Amino acid sequence: MAKQMTEMLKGNLEGIVLAILSDRPAYGYEITSRLREMGFADIAEGTIYALLIRIEQKGLVDVVKTPSEKGPPRKVFSLNLQGQEYLKEFWTTWNFLADRLQQLHQGGR
């Protein structure tokens, strides 16, 4: 992934992960797999796990430990009310920025 893409993604990855969780609860590997299916192939699992810790600490998700067939229990993350509000604000900000960038791309029209 180009450096510019990586930098842009860093600032938006939290919102992207919350949007994924708005569909249904998931654990870290599921989220990483979904991102890869969407074309974000270069995102490391470690990046996602660190982000999940941050959004858990911010109180944006609820976490339930579920048994795993292999290894320790999995932490399943689900978007809570605070996370839904945060995601709503993310989309509002995203739409504002996308509109302004489109205007600039079209020569300021």
Protein backbone atom coordinates (compact mmCIF):
# COMPACT_ATOMS: atom_id res chain seq x y z
CA MET A 1 0.00 0.00 0.00
CA ALA A 2 1.34 3.40 -0.90
CA LYS A 3 2.51 5.58 1.98
CA GLN A 4 -0.17 8.18 1.27
CA MET A 5 -2.89 5.49 1.38
CA THR A 6 -1.49 4.13 4.64
CA GLU A 7 -1.54 7.56 6.26
CA MET A 8 -5.09 8.28 5.11
CA LEU A 9 -6.25 4.89 6.30
CA LYS A 10 -4.72 5.40 9.76
CA GLY A 11 -7.00 8.33 10.41
CA ASN A 12 -10.11 6.46 9.29
CA LEU A 13 -9.51 2.88 10.41
CA GLU A 14 -11.32 3.33 13.72
CA GLY A 15 -14.48 4.41 11.91
CA ILE A 16 -14.11 1.62 9.36
CA VAL A 17 -13.86 -1.01 12.11
CA LEU A 18 -16.86 0.47 13.93
CA ALA A 19 -18.81 0.35 10.66
CA ILE A 20 -17.93 -3.34 10.31
CA LEU A 21 -19.12 -3.95 13.87
CA SER A 22 -22.37 -2.11 13.12
CA ASP A 23 -23.30 -5.05 10.87
CA ARG A 24 -22.73 -7.69 13.54
CA PRO A 25 -20.45 -8.55 16.49
CA ALA A 26 -17.06 -9.97 15.54
CA TYR A 27 -13.68 -10.92 16.95
CA GLY A 28 -10.34 -9.56 15.79
CA TYR A 29 -9.54 -12.14 13.14
CA GLU A 30 -13.02 -11.81 11.61
CA ILE A 31 -12.59 -8.05 11.38
CA THR A 32 -9.17 -8.43 9.76
CA SER A 33 -10.59 -10.95 7.27
CA ARG A 34 -13.45 -8.65 6.39
CA LEU A 35 -11.03 -5.77 5.80
CA ARG A 36 -8.95 -7.98 3.52
CA GLU A 37 -12.06 -9.00 1.58
CA MET A 38 -12.75 -5.29 1.10
CA GLY A 39 -9.30 -4.78 -0.42
CA PHE A 40 -7.34 -3.64 2.62
CA ALA A 41 -4.86 -6.49 2.23
CA ASP A 42 -1.88 -4.77 3.86
CA ILE A 43 -3.45 -4.15 7.26
CA ALA A 44 -1.63 -6.20 9.89
CA GLU A 45 -3.62 -8.14 12.47
CA GLY A 46 -1.60 -6.41 15.18
CA THR A 47 -2.90 -3.06 13.99
CA ILE A 48 -6.48 -4.26 14.34
CA TYR A 49 -5.91 -5.78 17.79
CA ALA A 50 -4.34 -2.53 19.04
CA LEU A 51 -7.25 -0.56 17.61
CA LEU A 52 -9.76 -2.91 19.29
CA ILE A 53 -8.08 -2.29 22.63
CA ARG A 54 -8.35 1.47 22.08
CA ILE A 55 -12.03 1.41 21.14
CA GLU A 56 -12.74 -0.85 24.10
CA GLN A 57 -10.96 1.60 26.42
CA LYS A 58 -12.95 4.48 24.91
CA GLY A 59 -16.15 2.60 25.76
CA LEU A 60 -17.33 2.33 22.13
CA VAL A 61 -17.83 -1.44 22.18
CA ASP A 62 -19.04 -4.15 24.48
CA VAL A 63 -16.87 -7.24 24.80
CA VAL A 64 -17.91 -10.81 25.54
CA LYS A 65 -15.42 -13.64 25.88
CA THR A 66 -16.56 -16.76 24.07
CA PRO A 67 -14.94 -20.21 24.12
CA SER A 68 -12.63 -21.03 21.25
CA GLU A 69 -12.03 -24.46 19.76
CA LYS A 70 -8.34 -23.61 19.67
CA GLY A 71 -6.57 -21.64 22.36
CA PRO A 72 -7.89 -19.05 24.80
CA PRO A 73 -11.42 -17.58 24.69
CA ARG A 74 -12.12 -15.07 21.94
CA LYS A 75 -13.11 -11.51 22.65
CA VAL A 76 -16.19 -10.74 20.58
CA PHE A 77 -16.75 -7.02 20.08
CA SER A 78 -20.15 -5.43 19.50
CA LEU A 79 -20.99 -1.81 18.92
CA ASN A 80 -22.75 -0.26 21.91
CA LEU A 81 -24.84 2.93 22.09
CA GLN A 82 -21.79 5.15 22.60
CA GLY A 83 -20.09 3.47 19.64
CA GLN A 84 -23.19 4.00 17.48
CA GLU A 85 -23.13 7.71 18.31
CA TYR A 86 -19.41 7.88 17.55
CA LEU A 87 -19.98 6.10 14.21
CA LYS A 88 -22.80 8.49 13.33
CA GLU A 89 -20.45 11.41 13.95
CA PHE A 90 -17.73 9.67 11.91
CA TRP A 91 -20.08 9.37 8.90
CA THR A 92 -21.18 13.01 9.24
CA THR A 93 -17.55 14.12 9.26
CA TRP A 94 -16.68 11.72 6.42
CA ASN A 95 -19.51 13.05 4.24
CA PHE A 96 -18.47 16.65 4.89
CA LEU A 97 -14.86 15.92 3.96
CA ALA A 98 -15.78 13.78 0.94
CA ASP A 99 -18.02 16.56 -0.40
CA ARG A 100 -15.29 19.19 0.00
CA LEU A 101 -12.64 16.96 -1.55
CA GLN A 102 -14.94 16.26 -4.50
CA GLN A 103 -15.39 20.00 -4.97
CA LEU A 104 -11.63 20.51 -4.97
CA HIS A 105 -11.14 17.62 -7.37
CA GLN A 106 -13.64 19.22 -9.76
CA GLY A 107 -11.77 22.50 -9.70
CA GLY A 108 -13.54 24.17 -6.81
CA ARG A 109 -17.03 23.96 -8.31
